[in-house]
Amino acid sequence: MALSIGPLFGYGPLEVRWYGLMYLVGFVGGWLGGRAWARKNPLQPIRPAHVDDIVFYCAVGAILGGRVGYMLVYGLSELVADPLSIVKVWQGGMSFHGGLLGVISALWLFGRKIKAPFFVVTDFVAPWTAIGLGAGRLGNFINGELWGKPTSPDAPWAVIVDGQARHATQLYELFLEGIVLFLVLWWYNRKMRPVMATSGLFLVIYGVSRVLVEFVREPDQQMGYLALGWVTMGQVLSAPMAVAGVVLLVLAYRRRRFAAN
């Protein structure tokens, strides 16, 4: 399969790219799902009216954190040479891990605002985050960025990019970090779980999925491999997430505290 797709539409120098649309899809999907879940589970402290504010807090945290994280980790030399480059989001460059830290900070502030425990808020948000993650990876695919390593042109998974057969790692991540992550967390939350457990499971699934996909994904051009000829920055940042998720799961089931208590 060969792929060549441009912006969604443009007017003069202004272009609306598919990745921006995917951000919108993620936030709207999370908002609709979160409100439905809050109505269905009235015993937990997050009410449908809270979801509107949660989406706003998450949007600000994801965009600011994603951009700052990208510039500090992947574009530090550019940032030093031109500090204003940090606001040039139209040139591309967002980091998931930076966005995650931004969202975590935003949810901590939101929890303080409504006087709800931090992990109660993150447990509520975690399943709906997968919608945005999956949509974002679809946006990467349509934009033609973050491709995987070369593969056999005869392989059923091969995508032809500039004449080269490659792994469509964006679609692998769409499946693992979007579809699988959402379905597992949705199924897991059908029963009441201890506080921190859903957040921990989110970190485990995302961290493991990202580490695995990085084996067939091209490393970031500005960084390359960090060690052993195969360790990438994505793996270095994602492996601790999986470990932290295991720790949260163990603590959750030892304490067995529930949001409705």
C-alpha atoms as a PDB file:
ATOM      1  CA  MET A   1       0.000   0.000   0.000  1.00  0.00           C
ATOM      2  CA  ALA A   2       1.427   3.365  -0.996  1.00  0.00           C
ATOM      3  CA  LEU A   3       0.467   6.481   0.914  1.00  0.00           C
ATOM      4  CA  SER A   4       0.635  10.178   0.114  1.00  0.00           C
ATOM      5  CA  ILE A   5      -1.788  12.472   1.940  1.00  0.00           C
ATOM      6  CA  GLY A   6      -1.574  16.215   2.445  1.00  0.00           C
ATOM      7  CA  PRO A   7      -3.343  18.606   4.820  1.00  0.00           C
ATOM      8  CA  LEU A   8      -7.044  18.307   5.524  1.00  0.00           C
ATOM      9  CA  PHE A   9      -7.581  21.698   3.867  1.00  0.00           C
ATOM     10  CA  GLY A  10      -5.808  25.002   3.520  1.00  0.00           C
ATOM     11  CA  TYR A  11      -6.385  28.649   2.787  1.00  0.00           C
ATOM     12  CA  GLY A  12      -3.331  30.605   1.716  1.00  0.00           C
ATOM     13  CA  PRO A  13      -0.526  30.010   4.253  1.00  0.00           C
ATOM     14  CA  LEU A  14      -2.991  28.539   6.763  1.00  0.00           C
ATOM     15  CA  GLU A  15      -3.247  24.746   6.797  1.00  0.00           C
ATOM     16  CA  VAL A  16      -5.489  22.553   8.917  1.00  0.00           C
ATOM     17  CA  ARG A  17      -3.736  19.210   9.243  1.00  0.00           C
ATOM     18  CA  TRP A  18      -5.222  15.852  10.088  1.00  0.00           C
ATOM     19  CA  TYR A  19      -3.281  15.630  13.334  1.00  0.00           C
ATOM     20  CA  GLY A  20      -5.112  18.682  14.681  1.00  0.00           C
ATOM     21  CA  LEU A  21      -8.432  17.091  13.767  1.00  0.00           C
ATOM     22  CA  MET A  22      -7.418  13.953  15.643  1.00  0.00           C
ATOM     23  CA  TYR A  23      -6.787  16.028  18.771  1.00  0.00           C
ATOM     24  CA  LEU A  24     -10.363  17.275  18.471  1.00  0.00           C
ATOM     25  CA  VAL A  25     -11.671  13.737  17.983  1.00  0.00           C
ATOM     26  CA  GLY A  26      -9.810  12.592  21.104  1.00  0.00           C
ATOM     27  CA  PHE A  27     -11.127  15.377  23.316  1.00  0.00           C
ATOM     28  CA  VAL A  28     -14.716  15.086  22.061  1.00  0.00           C
ATOM     29  CA  GLY A  29     -14.656  11.289  22.361  1.00  0.00           C
ATOM     30  CA  GLY A  30     -13.306  11.510  25.905  1.00  0.00           C
ATOM     31  CA  TRP A  31     -15.900  14.127  26.812  1.00  0.00           C
ATOM     32  CA  LEU A  32     -18.823  12.040  25.530  1.00  0.00           C
ATOM     33  CA  GLY A  33     -17.541   8.835  27.096  1.00  0.00           C
ATOM     34  CA  GLY A  34     -16.700  10.491  30.400  1.00  0.00           C
ATOM     35  CA  ARG A  35     -20.116  12.080  30.757  1.00  0.00           C
ATOM     36  CA  ALA A  36     -21.850   8.793  29.968  1.00  0.00           C
ATOM     37  CA  TRP A  37     -19.681   6.956  32.501  1.00  0.00           C
ATOM     38  CA  ALA A  38     -20.303   9.554  35.197  1.00  0.00           C
ATOM     39  CA  ARG A  39     -24.083   9.249  34.703  1.00  0.00           C
ATOM     40  CA  LYS A  40     -23.883   5.472  34.844  1.00  0.00           C
ATOM     41  CA  ASN A  41     -21.813   5.441  38.056  1.00  0.00           C
ATOM     42  CA  PRO A  42     -23.368   8.041  40.399  1.00  0.00           C
ATOM     43  CA  LEU A  43     -21.575   6.721  43.510  1.00  0.00           C
ATOM     44  CA  GLN A  44     -18.128   7.897  42.415  1.00  0.00           C
ATOM     45  CA  PRO A  45     -17.259  11.579  43.058  1.00  0.00           C
ATOM     46  CA  ILE A  46     -16.883  12.663  39.403  1.00  0.00           C
ATOM     47  CA  ARG A  47     -20.188  14.093  38.174  1.00  0.00           C
ATOM     48  CA  PRO A  48     -21.194  14.683  34.531  1.00  0.00           C
ATOM     49  CA  ALA A  49     -20.765  18.445  35.009  1.00  0.00           C
ATOM     50  CA  HIS A  50     -17.167  17.849  36.144  1.00  0.00           C
ATOM     51  CA  VAL A  51     -16.283  16.217  32.829  1.00  0.00           C
ATOM     52  CA  ASP A  52     -16.505  19.533  30.979  1.00  0.00           C
ATOM     53  CA  ASP A  53     -13.805  20.975  33.228  1.00  0.00           C
ATOM     54  CA  ILE A  54     -11.731  17.793  33.077  1.00  0.00           C
ATOM     55  CA  VAL A  55     -11.587  17.968  29.280  1.00  0.00           C
ATOM     56  CA  PHE A  56     -10.498  21.606  29.426  1.00  0.00           C
ATOM     57  CA  TYR A  57      -7.801  20.885  32.013  1.00  0.00           C
ATOM     58  CA  CYS A  58      -6.574  17.870  30.027  1.00  0.00           C
ATOM     59  CA  ALA A  59      -6.499  19.822  26.756  1.00  0.00           C
ATOM     60  CA  VAL A  60      -4.377  22.591  28.259  1.00  0.00           C
ATOM     61  CA  GLY A  61      -2.103  20.124  30.035  1.00  0.00           C
ATOM     62  CA  ALA A  62      -1.640  17.906  26.970  1.00  0.00           C
ATOM     63  CA  ILE A  63      -0.830  20.751  24.588  1.00  0.00           C
ATOM     64  CA  LEU A  64       1.480  22.673  26.923  1.00  0.00           C
ATOM     65  CA  GLY A  65       3.144  19.577  28.332  1.00  0.00           C
ATOM     66  CA  GLY A  66       3.443  17.918  24.948  1.00  0.00           C
ATOM     67  CA  ARG A  67       5.143  20.926  23.383  1.00  0.00           C
ATOM     68  CA  VAL A  68       7.436  21.726  26.304  1.00  0.00           C
ATOM     69  CA  GLY A  69       8.366  18.056  26.668  1.00  0.00           C
ATOM     70  CA  TYR A  70       9.204  17.745  22.987  1.00  0.00           C
ATOM     71  CA  MET A  71      11.392  20.831  22.954  1.00  0.00           C
ATOM     72  CA  LEU A  72      13.285  19.854  26.117  1.00  0.00           C
ATOM     73  CA  VAL A  73      13.909  16.233  25.084  1.00  0.00           C
ATOM     74  CA  TYR A  74      14.030  16.264  21.284  1.00  0.00           C
ATOM     75  CA  GLY A  75      14.544  19.904  20.285  1.00  0.00           C
ATOM     76  CA  LEU A  76      16.751  21.382  22.999  1.00  0.00           C
ATOM     77  CA  SER A  77      19.357  22.723  20.564  1.00  0.00           C
ATOM     78  CA  GLU A  78      16.649  24.447  18.545  1.00  0.00           C
ATOM     79  CA  LEU A  79      15.125  25.876  21.718  1.00  0.00           C
ATOM     80  CA  VAL A  80      18.486  27.262  22.859  1.00  0.00           C
ATOM     81  CA  ALA A  81      19.097  28.827  19.439  1.00  0.00           C
ATOM     82  CA  ASP A  82      15.580  30.247  19.191  1.00  0.00           C
ATOM     83  CA  PRO A  83      13.564  30.324  22.457  1.00  0.00           C
ATOM     84  CA  LEU A  84      10.447  31.414  20.529  1.00  0.00           C
ATOM     85  CA  SER A  85      10.467  28.086  18.682  1.00  0.00           C
ATOM     86  CA  ILE A  86       8.600  26.624  21.649  1.00  0.00           C
ATOM     87  CA  VAL A  87       5.404  28.391  20.518  1.00  0.00           C
ATOM     88  CA  LYS A  88       5.726  27.359  16.853  1.00  0.00           C
ATOM     89  CA  VAL A  89       3.420  24.394  17.235  1.00  0.00           C
ATOM     90  CA  TRP A  90       2.374  24.650  13.576  1.00  0.00           C
ATOM     91  CA  GLN A  91       5.826  23.351  12.646  1.00  0.00           C
ATOM     92  CA  GLY A  92       5.092  20.089  14.467  1.00  0.00           C
ATOM     93  CA  GLY A  93       6.670  18.480  17.499  1.00  0.00           C
ATOM     94  CA  MET A  94       4.632  17.071  20.389  1.00  0.00           C
ATOM     95  CA  SER A  95       5.801  14.559  22.973  1.00  0.00           C
ATOM     96  CA  PHE A  96       3.419  12.002  24.472  1.00  0.00           C
ATOM     97  CA  HIS A  97       5.428  11.719  27.667  1.00  0.00           C
ATOM     98  CA  GLY A  98       5.522  15.507  28.076  1.00  0.00           C
ATOM     99  CA  GLY A  99       1.808  15.636  27.376  1.00  0.00           C
ATOM    100  CA  LEU A 100       1.227  12.944  29.991  1.00  0.00           C
ATOM    101  CA  LEU A 101       3.088  14.953  32.620  1.00  0.00           C
ATOM    102  CA  GLY A 102       1.053  18.003  31.612  1.00  0.00           C
ATOM    103  CA  VAL A 103      -2.206  16.089  31.977  1.00  0.00           C
ATOM    104  CA  ILE A 104      -1.108  14.639  35.330  1.00  0.00           C
ATOM    105  CA  SER A 105      -0.364  18.149  36.605  1.00  0.00           C
ATOM    106  CA  ALA A 106      -3.688  19.429  35.293  1.00  0.00           C
ATOM    107  CA  LEU A 107      -5.629  16.583  36.928  1.00  0.00           C
ATOM    108  CA  TRP A 108      -3.846  17.219  40.229  1.00  0.00           C
ATOM    109  CA  LEU A 109      -5.022  20.832  40.084  1.00  0.00           C
ATOM    110  CA  PHE A 110      -8.533  19.736  39.135  1.00  0.00           C
ATOM    111  CA  GLY A 111      -8.648  17.222  42.004  1.00  0.00           C
ATOM    112  CA  ARG A 112      -7.724  19.958  44.448  1.00  0.00           C
ATOM    113  CA  LYS A 113     -10.427  22.173  42.987  1.00  0.00           C
ATOM    114  CA  ILE A 114     -13.219  19.649  43.599  1.00  0.00           C
ATOM    115  CA  LYS A 115     -11.543  18.144  46.703  1.00  0.00           C
ATOM    116  CA  ALA A 116     -11.262  14.681  45.152  1.00  0.00           C
ATOM    117  CA  PRO A 117      -8.244  12.376  45.678  1.00  0.00           C
ATOM    118  CA  PHE A 118      -5.762  12.548  42.820  1.00  0.00           C
ATOM    119  CA  PHE A 119      -5.931   8.862  41.886  1.00  0.00           C
ATOM    120  CA  VAL A 120      -9.722   8.884  41.945  1.00  0.00           C
ATOM    121  CA  VAL A 121      -9.553  11.500  39.196  1.00  0.00           C
ATOM    122  CA  THR A 122      -6.865   9.691  37.172  1.00  0.00           C
ATOM    123  CA  ASP A 123      -8.737   6.380  37.454  1.00  0.00           C
ATOM    124  CA  PHE A 124     -11.788   8.077  35.975  1.00  0.00           C
ATOM    125  CA  VAL A 125      -9.854   9.688  33.123  1.00  0.00           C
ATOM    126  CA  ALA A 126      -7.574   6.777  32.166  1.00  0.00           C
ATOM    127  CA  PRO A 127      -9.914   4.768  29.881  1.00  0.00           C
ATOM    128  CA  TRP A 128     -10.980   7.832  27.909  1.00  0.00           C
ATOM    129  CA  THR A 129      -7.383   8.897  27.373  1.00  0.00           C
ATOM    130  CA  ALA A 130      -7.024   5.880  25.099  1.00  0.00           C
ATOM    131  CA  ILE A 131      -9.419   7.492  22.611  1.00  0.00           C
ATOM    132  CA  GLY A 132      -7.095  10.452  22.216  1.00  0.00           C
ATOM    133  CA  LEU A 133      -4.021   8.220  21.995  1.00  0.00           C
ATOM    134  CA  GLY A 134      -5.557   6.129  19.243  1.00  0.00           C
ATOM    135  CA  ALA A 135      -6.773   9.163  17.331  1.00  0.00           C
ATOM    136  CA  GLY A 136      -3.340  10.776  17.634  1.00  0.00           C
ATOM    137  CA  ARG A 137      -1.620   7.724  16.123  1.00  0.00           C
ATOM    138  CA  LEU A 138      -4.095   7.730  13.255  1.00  0.00           C
ATOM    139  CA  GLY A 139      -3.175  11.371  12.727  1.00  0.00           C
ATOM    140  CA  ASN A 140       0.525  10.397  12.638  1.00  0.00           C
ATOM    141  CA  PHE A 141      -0.241   7.814   9.963  1.00  0.00           C
ATOM    142  CA  ILE A 142      -2.256  10.191   7.798  1.00  0.00           C
ATOM    143  CA  ASN A 143       0.393  12.899   8.171  1.00  0.00           C
ATOM    144  CA  GLY A 144       3.061  10.430   7.048  1.00  0.00           C
ATOM    145  CA  GLU A 145       5.301  10.713  10.117  1.00  0.00           C
ATOM    146  CA  LEU A 146       6.920   8.418  12.702  1.00  0.00           C
ATOM    147  CA  TRP A 147       7.284   5.490  10.311  1.00  0.00           C
ATOM    148  CA  GLY A 148       8.643   2.105  11.204  1.00  0.00           C
ATOM    149  CA  LYS A 149      11.768   0.378   9.976  1.00  0.00           C
ATOM    150  CA  PRO A 150      12.089  -1.106   6.478  1.00  0.00           C
ATOM    151  CA  THR A 151      10.408  -4.446   5.929  1.00  0.00           C
ATOM    152  CA  SER A 152       9.813  -6.857   3.073  1.00  0.00           C
ATOM    153  CA  PRO A 153       7.696  -5.312   0.299  1.00  0.00           C
ATOM    154  CA  ASP A 154       5.829  -8.630   0.088  1.00  0.00           C
ATOM    155  CA  ALA A 155       4.787  -8.524   3.759  1.00  0.00           C
ATOM    156  CA  PRO A 156       1.026  -8.008   4.245  1.00  0.00           C
ATOM    157  CA  TRP A 157       1.724  -5.239   6.782  1.00  0.00           C
ATOM    158  CA  ALA A 158       4.112  -3.312   4.520  1.00  0.00           C
ATOM    159  CA  VAL A 159       3.352   0.313   3.625  1.00  0.00           C
ATOM    160  CA  ILE A 160       5.303   1.896   0.765  1.00  0.00           C
ATOM    161  CA  VAL A 161       6.791   5.239   1.784  1.00  0.00           C
ATOM    162  CA  ASP A 162       8.873   7.059  -0.846  1.00  0.00           C
ATOM    163  CA  GLY A 163       9.466   3.753  -2.588  1.00  0.00           C
ATOM    164  CA  GLN A 164      10.516   1.948   0.609  1.00  0.00           C
ATOM    165  CA  ALA A 165       8.438  -0.767   2.293  1.00  0.00           C
ATOM    166  CA  ARG A 166       8.089   0.025   6.003  1.00  0.00           C
ATOM    167  CA  HIS A 167       6.256  -1.050   9.139  1.00  0.00           C
ATOM    168  CA  ALA A 168       3.202   1.157   9.772  1.00  0.00           C
ATOM    169  CA  THR A 169       4.100   1.549  13.430  1.00  0.00           C
ATOM    170  CA  GLN A 170       1.536   4.330  13.833  1.00  0.00           C
ATOM    171  CA  LEU A 171      -1.186   1.736  13.155  1.00  0.00           C
ATOM    172  CA  TYR A 172       0.431  -0.747  15.521  1.00  0.00           C
ATOM    173  CA  GLU A 173       0.259   1.910  18.226  1.00  0.00           C
ATOM    174  CA  LEU A 174      -3.300   2.825  17.231  1.00  0.00           C
ATOM    175  CA  PHE A 175      -4.249  -0.799  17.848  1.00  0.00           C
ATOM    176  CA  LEU A 176      -2.292  -1.326  21.089  1.00  0.00           C
ATOM    177  CA  GLU A 177      -2.394   2.107  22.746  1.00  0.00           C
ATOM    178  CA  GLY A 178      -5.838   3.025  21.432  1.00  0.00           C
ATOM    179  CA  ILE A 179      -8.134   0.065  20.805  1.00  0.00           C
ATOM    180  CA  VAL A 180      -6.613  -2.568  23.110  1.00  0.00           C
ATOM    181  CA  LEU A 181      -5.943  -0.099  25.921  1.00  0.00           C
ATOM    182  CA  PHE A 182      -9.498   1.263  25.798  1.00  0.00           C
ATOM    183  CA  LEU A 183     -11.196  -2.129  25.623  1.00  0.00           C
ATOM    184  CA  VAL A 184      -9.145  -3.602  28.478  1.00  0.00           C
ATOM    185  CA  LEU A 185      -9.724  -0.607  30.765  1.00  0.00           C
ATOM    186  CA  TRP A 186     -13.417  -0.458  29.874  1.00  0.00           C
ATOM    187  CA  TRP A 187     -13.817  -4.175  30.654  1.00  0.00           C
ATOM    188  CA  TYR A 188     -11.765  -3.847  33.831  1.00  0.00           C
ATOM    189  CA  ASN A 189     -13.916  -0.973  35.090  1.00  0.00           C
ATOM    190  CA  ARG A 190     -17.200  -2.845  34.741  1.00  0.00           C
ATOM    191  CA  LYS A 191     -16.640  -3.802  38.381  1.00  0.00           C
ATOM    192  CA  MET A 192     -15.572  -1.488  41.179  1.00  0.00           C
ATOM    193  CA  ARG A 193     -11.789  -1.547  41.503  1.00  0.00           C
ATOM    194  CA  PRO A 194      -9.460  -0.225  44.219  1.00  0.00           C
ATOM    195  CA  VAL A 195      -8.279   3.362  43.841  1.00  0.00           C
ATOM    196  CA  MET A 196      -5.049   3.519  41.769  1.00  0.00           C
ATOM    197  CA  ALA A 197      -5.681   0.189  40.054  1.00  0.00           C
ATOM    198  CA  THR A 198      -7.059   1.585  36.790  1.00  0.00           C
ATOM    199  CA  SER A 199      -4.289   4.180  36.601  1.00  0.00           C
ATOM    200  CA  GLY A 200      -1.726   1.456  37.220  1.00  0.00           C
ATOM    201  CA  LEU A 201      -3.166  -0.787  34.524  1.00  0.00           C
ATOM    202  CA  PHE A 202      -3.131   2.136  32.086  1.00  0.00           C
ATOM    203  CA  LEU A 203       0.586   2.707  32.725  1.00  0.00           C
ATOM    204  CA  VAL A 204       1.425  -0.988  32.361  1.00  0.00           C
ATOM    205  CA  ILE A 205      -0.403  -1.464  29.055  1.00  0.00           C
ATOM    206  CA  TYR A 206       0.854   1.760  27.511  1.00  0.00           C
ATOM    207  CA  GLY A 207       4.433   1.295  28.722  1.00  0.00           C
ATOM    208  CA  VAL A 208       4.721  -2.307  27.502  1.00  0.00           C
ATOM    209  CA  SER A 209       3.009  -1.522  24.182  1.00  0.00           C
ATOM    210  CA  ARG A 210       5.286   1.430  23.447  1.00  0.00           C
ATOM    211  CA  VAL A 211       8.457  -0.483  24.361  1.00  0.00           C
ATOM    212  CA  LEU A 212       7.493  -3.334  22.016  1.00  0.00           C
ATOM    213  CA  VAL A 213       6.550  -1.131  19.062  1.00  0.00           C
ATOM    214  CA  GLU A 214       9.800   0.829  19.391  1.00  0.00           C
ATOM    215  CA  PHE A 215      11.690  -2.290  18.268  1.00  0.00           C
ATOM    216  CA  VAL A 216      10.296  -1.860  14.739  1.00  0.00           C
ATOM    217  CA  ARG A 217       9.962   1.925  14.736  1.00  0.00           C
ATOM    218  CA  GLU A 218      12.608   4.270  13.369  1.00  0.00           C
ATOM    219  CA  PRO A 219      14.372   6.154  16.181  1.00  0.00           C
ATOM    220  CA  ASP A 220      13.954   9.895  16.328  1.00  0.00           C
ATOM    221  CA  GLN A 221      16.314  11.416  13.761  1.00  0.00           C
ATOM    222  CA  GLN A 222      17.713  14.001  16.155  1.00  0.00           C
ATOM    223  CA  MET A 223      18.610  11.360  18.754  1.00  0.00           C
ATOM    224  CA  GLY A 224      19.103   7.993  17.077  1.00  0.00           C
ATOM    225  CA  TYR A 225      19.698   4.962  19.274  1.00  0.00           C
ATOM    226  CA  LEU A 226      20.806   5.665  22.831  1.00  0.00           C
ATOM    227  CA  ALA A 227      22.511   2.342  23.615  1.00  0.00           C
ATOM    228  CA  LEU A 228      23.237  -1.165  22.302  1.00  0.00           C
ATOM    229  CA  GLY A 229      22.199  -0.208  18.783  1.00  0.00           C
ATOM    230  CA  TRP A 230      18.497  -0.622  19.542  1.00  0.00           C
ATOM    231  CA  VAL A 231      17.496   1.262  22.728  1.00  0.00           C
ATOM    232  CA  THR A 232      15.416   4.352  21.872  1.00  0.00           C
ATOM    233  CA  MET A 233      14.322   7.368  23.869  1.00  0.00           C
ATOM    234  CA  GLY A 234      10.740   6.099  23.613  1.00  0.00           C
ATOM    235  CA  GLN A 235      11.752   2.908  25.415  1.00  0.00           C
ATOM    236  CA  VAL A 236      13.753   4.764  28.042  1.00  0.00           C
ATOM    237  CA  LEU A 237      10.737   6.940  28.842  1.00  0.00           C
ATOM    238  CA  SER A 238       8.103   4.188  28.581  1.00  0.00           C
ATOM    239  CA  ALA A 239       9.723   1.331  30.524  1.00  0.00           C
ATOM    240  CA  PRO A 240       9.536   3.249  33.851  1.00  0.00           C
ATOM    241  CA  MET A 241       5.834   3.844  33.156  1.00  0.00           C
ATOM    242  CA  ALA A 242       5.222   0.094  33.081  1.00  0.00           C
ATOM    243  CA  VAL A 243       7.205  -0.382  36.303  1.00  0.00           C
ATOM    244  CA  ALA A 244       5.300   2.447  38.009  1.00  0.00           C
ATOM    245  CA  GLY A 245       2.044   0.874  36.850  1.00  0.00           C
ATOM    246  CA  VAL A 246       2.938  -2.441  38.495  1.00  0.00           C
ATOM    247  CA  VAL A 247       3.772  -0.601  41.726  1.00  0.00           C
ATOM    248  CA  LEU A 248       0.408   1.209  41.661  1.00  0.00           C
ATOM    249  CA  LEU A 249      -1.461  -2.060  41.072  1.00  0.00           C
ATOM    250  CA  VAL A 250       0.281  -3.759  43.987  1.00  0.00           C
ATOM    251  CA  LEU A 251      -0.399  -0.822  46.293  1.00  0.00           C
ATOM    252  CA  ALA A 252      -4.003  -0.583  45.135  1.00  0.00           C
ATOM    253  CA  TYR A 253      -4.816  -4.189  45.928  1.00  0.00           C
ATOM    254  CA  ARG A 254      -2.965  -4.083  49.239  1.00  0.00           C
ATOM    255  CA  ARG A 255      -4.851  -1.020  50.442  1.00  0.00           C
ATOM    256  CA  ARG A 256      -8.177  -1.897  48.777  1.00  0.00           C
ATOM    257  CA  ARG A 257      -9.616   1.601  49.086  1.00  0.00           C
ATOM    258  CA  PHE A 258     -12.563   2.393  46.837  1.00  0.00           C
ATOM    259  CA  ALA A 259     -13.696   5.711  45.375  1.00  0.00           C
ATOM    260  CA  ALA A 260     -17.171   5.374  46.840  1.00  0.00           C
ATOM    261  CA  ASN A 261     -15.847   4.843  50.395  1.00  0.00           C
END
